[in-house]
Amino acid sequence: MPAGLQVFDQNGALVLDIGHRLARITGMFYTGKNTGYYDIPGTNTGDPWFAAVATNRPAEPVGEASFSLSGNRLFWSFPLPDGVPDSTGLYYNNINYMVFTGVR
């Protein structure tokens, strides 16, 4: 007979089993408006994940960050530094992101 926690919905379908991998939050930070990286804590106990939320929506044109994971390190970069004009003379206003990190 199996032991452990199991959760079922109203139709009797298994929703959660103790064998499922549950995510947990291990950190939160703000990117600021410059390119950078962050080492996600706790990755020795699971696979890293992140969720980024824009904290502001500045005037156009907007510099949205690109995010990528490599091992336990989360990188982000903007098309141009904040307030620097592009080749057409437009000044980009980079978005500050609130980022949640964790492992599952």
C-alpha atoms as a PDB file:
ATOM      1  CA  MET A   1       0.000   0.000   0.000  1.00  0.00           C
ATOM      2  CA  PRO A   2       1.479   3.381  -1.002  1.00  0.00           C
ATOM      3  CA  ALA A   3       2.138   5.981   1.662  1.00  0.00           C
ATOM      4  CA  GLY A   4       2.451   9.737   1.449  1.00  0.00           C
ATOM      5  CA  LEU A   5       0.426  12.737   0.423  1.00  0.00           C
ATOM      6  CA  GLN A   6      -1.971  12.556  -2.515  1.00  0.00           C
ATOM      7  CA  VAL A   7      -4.545  15.177  -3.516  1.00  0.00           C
ATOM      8  CA  PHE A   8      -7.494  14.419  -5.800  1.00  0.00           C
ATOM      9  CA  ASP A   9      -9.991  16.727  -7.504  1.00  0.00           C
ATOM     10  CA  GLN A  10     -13.782  16.377  -7.232  1.00  0.00           C
ATOM     11  CA  ASN A  11     -13.769  13.793 -10.065  1.00  0.00           C
ATOM     12  CA  GLY A  12     -11.220  11.572  -8.361  1.00  0.00           C
ATOM     13  CA  ALA A  13      -8.341  12.527 -10.672  1.00  0.00           C
ATOM     14  CA  LEU A  14      -4.916  12.750  -9.045  1.00  0.00           C
ATOM     15  CA  VAL A  15      -3.833  16.404  -8.834  1.00  0.00           C
ATOM     16  CA  LEU A  16      -0.754  16.135  -6.612  1.00  0.00           C
ATOM     17  CA  ASP A  17       1.373  13.245  -5.442  1.00  0.00           C
ATOM     18  CA  ILE A  18       4.297  13.485  -3.031  1.00  0.00           C
ATOM     19  CA  GLY A  19       6.446  12.234  -5.917  1.00  0.00           C
ATOM     20  CA  HIS A  20       5.683  15.368  -7.955  1.00  0.00           C
ATOM     21  CA  ARG A  21       8.294  18.071  -7.968  1.00  0.00           C
ATOM     22  CA  LEU A  22       7.004  21.173  -6.227  1.00  0.00           C
ATOM     23  CA  ALA A  23       8.613  24.539  -6.914  1.00  0.00           C
ATOM     24  CA  ARG A  24       9.812  26.798  -4.141  1.00  0.00           C
ATOM     25  CA  ILE A  25      10.962  30.401  -4.187  1.00  0.00           C
ATOM     26  CA  THR A  26      14.574  30.921  -3.116  1.00  0.00           C
ATOM     27  CA  GLY A  27      15.080  34.570  -3.995  1.00  0.00           C
ATOM     28  CA  MET A  28      13.742  37.870  -5.302  1.00  0.00           C
ATOM     29  CA  PHE A  29      15.615  40.834  -6.723  1.00  0.00           C
ATOM     30  CA  TYR A  30      15.305  43.813  -9.078  1.00  0.00           C
ATOM     31  CA  THR A  31      17.311  43.951 -12.302  1.00  0.00           C
ATOM     32  CA  GLY A  32      17.656  47.700 -12.407  1.00  0.00           C
ATOM     33  CA  LYS A  33      17.988  49.110 -15.910  1.00  0.00           C
ATOM     34  CA  ASN A  34      21.361  47.615 -16.831  1.00  0.00           C
ATOM     35  CA  THR A  35      22.573  44.265 -18.128  1.00  0.00           C
ATOM     36  CA  GLY A  36      23.579  41.814 -15.403  1.00  0.00           C
ATOM     37  CA  TYR A  37      23.350  38.376 -13.828  1.00  0.00           C
ATOM     38  CA  TYR A  38      22.177  36.698 -10.627  1.00  0.00           C
ATOM     39  CA  ASP A  39      23.201  33.358  -9.100  1.00  0.00           C
ATOM     40  CA  ILE A  40      20.048  31.475  -8.099  1.00  0.00           C
ATOM     41  CA  PRO A  41      20.465  30.031  -4.579  1.00  0.00           C
ATOM     42  CA  GLY A  42      19.531  26.444  -3.748  1.00  0.00           C
ATOM     43  CA  THR A  43      20.192  24.916  -7.152  1.00  0.00           C
ATOM     44  CA  ASN A  44      21.979  21.988  -5.512  1.00  0.00           C
ATOM     45  CA  THR A  45      18.485  20.821  -4.427  1.00  0.00           C
ATOM     46  CA  GLY A  46      16.674  21.098  -7.775  1.00  0.00           C
ATOM     47  CA  ASP A  47      16.351  22.699 -11.199  1.00  0.00           C
ATOM     48  CA  PRO A  48      16.334  26.520 -11.328  1.00  0.00           C
ATOM     49  CA  TRP A  49      13.404  28.612 -12.587  1.00  0.00           C
ATOM     50  CA  PHE A  50      12.571  32.322 -12.702  1.00  0.00           C
ATOM     51  CA  ALA A  51       9.657  34.669 -13.322  1.00  0.00           C
ATOM     52  CA  ALA A  52      10.241  38.299 -14.322  1.00  0.00           C
ATOM     53  CA  VAL A  53       7.623  41.031 -13.861  1.00  0.00           C
ATOM     54  CA  ALA A  54       8.013  44.569 -15.238  1.00  0.00           C
ATOM     55  CA  THR A  55       7.771  47.121 -12.410  1.00  0.00           C
ATOM     56  CA  ASN A  56       7.402  50.111 -14.706  1.00  0.00           C
ATOM     57  CA  ARG A  57       6.413  50.883 -18.262  1.00  0.00           C
ATOM     58  CA  PRO A  58       8.454  53.927 -19.263  1.00  0.00           C
ATOM     59  CA  ALA A  59       7.844  56.162 -22.249  1.00  0.00           C
ATOM     60  CA  GLU A  60       8.482  54.752 -25.708  1.00  0.00           C
ATOM     61  CA  PRO A  61      10.759  53.453 -27.027  1.00  0.00           C
ATOM     62  CA  VAL A  62      11.082  50.783 -24.370  1.00  0.00           C
ATOM     63  CA  GLY A  63      14.111  48.578 -23.806  1.00  0.00           C
ATOM     64  CA  GLU A  64      12.816  45.141 -22.812  1.00  0.00           C
ATOM     65  CA  ALA A  65      15.274  42.679 -21.309  1.00  0.00           C
ATOM     66  CA  SER A  66      16.138  39.272 -22.737  1.00  0.00           C
ATOM     67  CA  PHE A  67      16.621  36.577 -20.062  1.00  0.00           C
ATOM     68  CA  SER A  68      18.550  33.298 -20.225  1.00  0.00           C
ATOM     69  CA  LEU A  69      19.604  30.582 -17.767  1.00  0.00           C
ATOM     70  CA  SER A  70      22.969  28.856 -17.767  1.00  0.00           C
ATOM     71  CA  GLY A  71      23.389  26.434 -14.886  1.00  0.00           C
ATOM     72  CA  ASN A  72      22.395  28.343 -11.756  1.00  0.00           C
ATOM     73  CA  ARG A  73      23.144  31.755 -13.284  1.00  0.00           C
ATOM     74  CA  LEU A  74      20.359  33.955 -14.679  1.00  0.00           C
ATOM     75  CA  PHE A  75      21.496  36.528 -17.246  1.00  0.00           C
ATOM     76  CA  TRP A  76      19.576  39.503 -18.615  1.00  0.00           C
ATOM     77  CA  SER A  77      20.499  42.088 -21.205  1.00  0.00           C
ATOM     78  CA  PHE A  78      18.933  45.156 -22.774  1.00  0.00           C
ATOM     79  CA  PRO A  79      19.215  46.244 -26.421  1.00  0.00           C
ATOM     80  CA  LEU A  80      21.022  49.443 -25.347  1.00  0.00           C
ATOM     81  CA  PRO A  81      22.144  50.985 -22.062  1.00  0.00           C
ATOM     82  CA  ASP A  82      19.390  53.044 -20.408  1.00  0.00           C
ATOM     83  CA  GLY A  83      19.179  56.563 -21.797  1.00  0.00           C
ATOM     84  CA  VAL A  84      21.637  55.974 -24.657  1.00  0.00           C
ATOM     85  CA  PRO A  85      20.423  56.897 -28.160  1.00  0.00           C
ATOM     86  CA  ASP A  86      20.255  54.258 -30.887  1.00  0.00           C
ATOM     87  CA  SER A  87      21.458  54.818 -34.480  1.00  0.00           C
ATOM     88  CA  THR A  88      18.314  56.855 -35.248  1.00  0.00           C
ATOM     89  CA  GLY A  89      18.770  59.118 -32.229  1.00  0.00           C
ATOM     90  CA  LEU A  90      15.952  57.591 -30.141  1.00  0.00           C
ATOM     91  CA  TYR A  91      16.659  57.224 -26.438  1.00  0.00           C
ATOM     92  CA  TYR A  92      15.622  53.880 -24.924  1.00  0.00           C
ATOM     93  CA  ASN A  93      13.987  53.702 -21.502  1.00  0.00           C
ATOM     94  CA  ASN A  94      14.835  50.301 -20.049  1.00  0.00           C
ATOM     95  CA  ILE A  95      12.353  48.435 -17.883  1.00  0.00           C
ATOM     96  CA  ASN A  96      13.193  47.556 -14.275  1.00  0.00           C
ATOM     97  CA  TYR A  97      12.087  43.969 -13.550  1.00  0.00           C
ATOM     98  CA  MET A  98      11.195  42.299 -10.268  1.00  0.00           C
ATOM     99  CA  VAL A  99      12.451  38.721 -10.604  1.00  0.00           C
ATOM    100  CA  PHE A 100      11.463  35.718  -8.506  1.00  0.00           C
ATOM    101  CA  THR A 101      13.824  32.743  -8.554  1.00  0.00           C
ATOM    102  CA  GLY A 102      13.598  29.254  -7.212  1.00  0.00           C
ATOM    103  CA  VAL A 103      14.093  25.548  -7.712  1.00  0.00           C
ATOM    104  CA  ARG A 104      11.764  22.659  -8.415  1.00  0.00           C
END
